[in-house]
Amino acid sequence: MNCVIVSLGSNSSDRLIQIEVAISHLKSLFENVSVSTIYESEALNGKDFPYLNAVAIFQTRYTIERVNVLLKEWEKQCGRTFESKLKGSIPIDLDIVVWNGNIVRQSDFSYPFFMHGYKELIASGAISVE
């Protein structure tokens, strides 16, 4: 089984619903899903609407490529487009940050919006660090 840690974020007007529905979607697709609390963070560019964020960890037999396709398909189903990104409105953002213990998105891993939920999952025992 592959162990995946994903960053979730939304800054749309229905951001809480977007995050909650995305969490339910992850739970329907993957095994042993654990999720941090949902919390707010400022947009990295300092001008877009604040985000709600969470971090999820789960297990899957899928490849990293397949998981990424599933996450990006969900983003599109939720209304994420190139145009919405240009406008600074992100209905949902789902990114694989850690795959089987290897950081695959270093920049995301270092951001406070990710570390908040990541550290929470470590404290809860959902993520074990060696």
C-alpha atoms as a PDB file:
ATOM      1  CA  MET A   1       0.000   0.000   0.000  1.00  0.00           C
ATOM      2  CA  ASN A   2       1.107   3.525  -0.757  1.00  0.00           C
ATOM      3  CA  CYS A   3       0.900   6.200   1.918  1.00  0.00           C
ATOM      4  CA  VAL A   4      -0.179   9.614   0.633  1.00  0.00           C
ATOM      5  CA  ILE A   5      -0.349  13.002   2.329  1.00  0.00           C
ATOM      6  CA  VAL A   6      -2.447  15.599   0.545  1.00  0.00           C
ATOM      7  CA  SER A   7      -2.948  19.319   1.059  1.00  0.00           C
ATOM      8  CA  LEU A   8      -6.504  20.635   0.690  1.00  0.00           C
ATOM      9  CA  GLY A   9      -7.402  24.285   0.214  1.00  0.00           C
ATOM     10  CA  SER A  10     -10.272  26.492  -0.906  1.00  0.00           C
ATOM     11  CA  ASN A  11     -10.866  30.230  -0.944  1.00  0.00           C
ATOM     12  CA  SER A  12     -14.233  30.331  -2.720  1.00  0.00           C
ATOM     13  CA  SER A  13     -17.374  31.760  -1.147  1.00  0.00           C
ATOM     14  CA  ASP A  14     -18.456  28.206  -0.246  1.00  0.00           C
ATOM     15  CA  ARG A  15     -14.990  27.166   0.927  1.00  0.00           C
ATOM     16  CA  LEU A  16     -16.137  25.204   3.988  1.00  0.00           C
ATOM     17  CA  ILE A  17     -18.520  23.114   1.900  1.00  0.00           C
ATOM     18  CA  GLN A  18     -15.810  22.573  -0.731  1.00  0.00           C
ATOM     19  CA  ILE A  19     -13.346  21.277   1.885  1.00  0.00           C
ATOM     20  CA  GLU A  20     -15.938  19.078   3.620  1.00  0.00           C
ATOM     21  CA  VAL A  21     -17.127  17.545   0.334  1.00  0.00           C
ATOM     22  CA  ALA A  22     -13.523  16.971  -0.798  1.00  0.00           C
ATOM     23  CA  ILE A  23     -12.807  15.144   2.473  1.00  0.00           C
ATOM     24  CA  SER A  24     -15.865  12.941   1.929  1.00  0.00           C
ATOM     25  CA  HIS A  25     -14.691  12.282  -1.620  1.00  0.00           C
ATOM     26  CA  LEU A  26     -11.236  11.227  -0.413  1.00  0.00           C
ATOM     27  CA  LYS A  27     -12.855   8.894   2.113  1.00  0.00           C
ATOM     28  CA  SER A  28     -14.906   7.296  -0.677  1.00  0.00           C
ATOM     29  CA  LEU A  29     -11.826   6.660  -2.839  1.00  0.00           C
ATOM     30  CA  PHE A  30      -9.077   5.697  -0.431  1.00  0.00           C
ATOM     31  CA  GLU A  31      -8.406   3.637   2.696  1.00  0.00           C
ATOM     32  CA  ASN A  32      -7.582   4.655   6.258  1.00  0.00           C
ATOM     33  CA  VAL A  33      -8.192   8.351   5.656  1.00  0.00           C
ATOM     34  CA  SER A  34      -7.286  10.690   8.526  1.00  0.00           C
ATOM     35  CA  VAL A  35      -7.776  14.438   8.258  1.00  0.00           C
ATOM     36  CA  SER A  36      -6.604  17.392  10.309  1.00  0.00           C
ATOM     37  CA  THR A  37      -9.044  19.992  11.494  1.00  0.00           C
ATOM     38  CA  ILE A  38     -10.036  22.639   8.968  1.00  0.00           C
ATOM     39  CA  TYR A  39      -8.297  25.966   9.555  1.00  0.00           C
ATOM     40  CA  GLU A  40      -7.896  29.347   7.883  1.00  0.00           C
ATOM     41  CA  SER A  41      -4.775  30.806   6.296  1.00  0.00           C
ATOM     42  CA  GLU A  42      -4.022  33.937   4.331  1.00  0.00           C
ATOM     43  CA  ALA A  43      -3.463  33.688   0.583  1.00  0.00           C
ATOM     44  CA  LEU A  44       0.232  33.382  -0.247  1.00  0.00           C
ATOM     45  CA  ASN A  45       0.063  36.396  -2.559  1.00  0.00           C
ATOM     46  CA  GLY A  46      -1.428  38.522   0.225  1.00  0.00           C
ATOM     47  CA  LYS A  47      -4.322  39.770  -1.900  1.00  0.00           C
ATOM     48  CA  ASP A  48      -6.729  36.897  -2.662  1.00  0.00           C
ATOM     49  CA  PHE A  49      -9.438  35.793  -0.241  1.00  0.00           C
ATOM     50  CA  PRO A  50      -8.254  33.739   2.768  1.00  0.00           C
ATOM     51  CA  TYR A  51      -8.202  29.979   2.419  1.00  0.00           C
ATOM     52  CA  LEU A  52      -9.589  27.175   4.460  1.00  0.00           C
ATOM     53  CA  ASN A  53      -7.076  24.340   4.575  1.00  0.00           C
ATOM     54  CA  ALA A  54      -6.715  20.792   5.829  1.00  0.00           C
ATOM     55  CA  VAL A  55      -4.206  17.973   5.446  1.00  0.00           C
ATOM     56  CA  ALA A  56      -5.213  14.379   4.795  1.00  0.00           C
ATOM     57  CA  ILE A  57      -3.272  11.136   4.974  1.00  0.00           C
ATOM     58  CA  PHE A  58      -4.510   7.912   3.413  1.00  0.00           C
ATOM     59  CA  GLN A  59      -3.471   4.624   1.896  1.00  0.00           C
ATOM     60  CA  THR A  60      -4.038   3.377  -1.619  1.00  0.00           C
ATOM     61  CA  ARG A  61      -2.932   0.737  -4.078  1.00  0.00           C
ATOM     62  CA  TYR A  62      -3.056   3.292  -6.894  1.00  0.00           C
ATOM     63  CA  THR A  63       0.103   4.758  -8.409  1.00  0.00           C
ATOM     64  CA  ILE A  64       1.044   8.377  -7.760  1.00  0.00           C
ATOM     65  CA  GLU A  65       0.023   9.197 -11.317  1.00  0.00           C
ATOM     66  CA  ARG A  66      -3.437   7.685 -10.851  1.00  0.00           C
ATOM     67  CA  VAL A  67      -3.986   9.444  -7.513  1.00  0.00           C
ATOM     68  CA  ASN A  68      -2.968  12.747  -9.078  1.00  0.00           C
ATOM     69  CA  VAL A  69      -5.418  12.228 -11.964  1.00  0.00           C
ATOM     70  CA  LEU A  70      -8.225  11.476  -9.486  1.00  0.00           C
ATOM     71  CA  LEU A  71      -7.441  14.624  -7.484  1.00  0.00           C
ATOM     72  CA  LYS A  72      -7.258  16.860 -10.558  1.00  0.00           C
ATOM     73  CA  GLU A  73     -10.503  15.393 -11.949  1.00  0.00           C
ATOM     74  CA  TRP A  74     -12.195  16.272  -8.645  1.00  0.00           C
ATOM     75  CA  GLU A  75     -10.862  19.832  -8.843  1.00  0.00           C
ATOM     76  CA  LYS A  76     -12.413  20.197 -12.307  1.00  0.00           C
ATOM     77  CA  GLN A  77     -15.722  18.713 -11.155  1.00  0.00           C
ATOM     78  CA  CYS A  78     -15.804  21.336  -8.396  1.00  0.00           C
ATOM     79  CA  GLY A  79     -15.354  24.176 -10.881  1.00  0.00           C
ATOM     80  CA  ARG A  80     -11.621  24.761 -10.834  1.00  0.00           C
ATOM     81  CA  THR A  81     -10.467  26.190 -14.146  1.00  0.00           C
ATOM     82  CA  PHE A  82      -7.493  28.091 -15.461  1.00  0.00           C
ATOM     83  CA  GLU A  83      -9.692  31.196 -15.534  1.00  0.00           C
ATOM     84  CA  SER A  84     -10.766  30.802 -11.897  1.00  0.00           C
ATOM     85  CA  LYS A  85      -7.127  30.511 -10.875  1.00  0.00           C
ATOM     86  CA  LEU A  86      -6.295  33.716 -12.768  1.00  0.00           C
ATOM     87  CA  LYS A  87      -9.092  35.470 -10.874  1.00  0.00           C
ATOM     88  CA  GLY A  88      -7.690  34.229  -7.561  1.00  0.00           C
ATOM     89  CA  SER A  89     -10.731  32.079  -6.770  1.00  0.00           C
ATOM     90  CA  ILE A  90      -9.894  28.445  -6.031  1.00  0.00           C
ATOM     91  CA  PRO A  91     -12.954  26.235  -5.415  1.00  0.00           C
ATOM     92  CA  ILE A  92     -10.696  23.362  -4.327  1.00  0.00           C
ATOM     93  CA  ASP A  93      -6.996  22.618  -4.499  1.00  0.00           C
ATOM     94  CA  LEU A  94      -5.793  19.072  -3.837  1.00  0.00           C
ATOM     95  CA  ASP A  95      -2.078  18.370  -4.061  1.00  0.00           C
ATOM     96  CA  ILE A  96       0.016  15.337  -3.214  1.00  0.00           C
ATOM     97  CA  VAL A  97       2.756  16.666  -0.944  1.00  0.00           C
ATOM     98  CA  VAL A  98       4.247  13.443   0.451  1.00  0.00           C
ATOM     99  CA  TRP A  99       4.275  10.010  -1.220  1.00  0.00           C
ATOM    100  CA  ASN A 100       5.517   7.014   0.771  1.00  0.00           C
ATOM    101  CA  GLY A 101       7.546   9.268   3.043  1.00  0.00           C
ATOM    102  CA  ASN A 102       9.134  11.226   0.192  1.00  0.00           C
ATOM    103  CA  ILE A 103       8.348  14.914  -0.166  1.00  0.00           C
ATOM    104  CA  VAL A 104       7.188  15.451  -3.749  1.00  0.00           C
ATOM    105  CA  ARG A 105       6.164  19.129  -3.436  1.00  0.00           C
ATOM    106  CA  GLN A 106       8.920  20.752  -1.398  1.00  0.00           C
ATOM    107  CA  SER A 107       7.475  24.249  -1.651  1.00  0.00           C
ATOM    108  CA  ASP A 108       4.061  23.126  -0.329  1.00  0.00           C
ATOM    109  CA  PHE A 109       5.700  21.089   2.427  1.00  0.00           C
ATOM    110  CA  SER A 110       7.449  24.192   3.769  1.00  0.00           C
ATOM    111  CA  TYR A 111       4.406  26.495   3.769  1.00  0.00           C
ATOM    112  CA  PRO A 112       2.745  27.260   7.119  1.00  0.00           C
ATOM    113  CA  PHE A 113      -0.678  26.369   5.678  1.00  0.00           C
ATOM    114  CA  PHE A 114       0.540  22.793   5.162  1.00  0.00           C
ATOM    115  CA  MET A 115       2.689  22.460   8.278  1.00  0.00           C
ATOM    116  CA  HIS A 116      -0.233  23.405  10.528  1.00  0.00           C
ATOM    117  CA  GLY A 117      -2.271  20.348   9.527  1.00  0.00           C
ATOM    118  CA  TYR A 118       0.765  18.126   9.087  1.00  0.00           C
ATOM    119  CA  LYS A 119       1.951  18.770  12.648  1.00  0.00           C
ATOM    120  CA  GLU A 120      -1.571  18.184  13.917  1.00  0.00           C
ATOM    121  CA  LEU A 121      -1.645  14.756  12.233  1.00  0.00           C
ATOM    122  CA  ILE A 122       1.754  13.933  13.732  1.00  0.00           C
ATOM    123  CA  ALA A 123       0.498  14.901  17.199  1.00  0.00           C
ATOM    124  CA  SER A 124      -2.599  12.728  16.752  1.00  0.00           C
ATOM    125  CA  GLY A 125      -0.497   9.711  15.713  1.00  0.00           C
ATOM    126  CA  ALA A 126      -1.965   9.587  12.196  1.00  0.00           C
ATOM    127  CA  ILE A 127       1.503  10.359  10.803  1.00  0.00           C
ATOM    128  CA  SER A 128       4.482   8.597  12.296  1.00  0.00           C
ATOM    129  CA  VAL A 129       7.877  10.213  12.001  1.00  0.00           C
ATOM    130  CA  GLU A 130      11.065   8.279  12.509  1.00  0.00           C
END
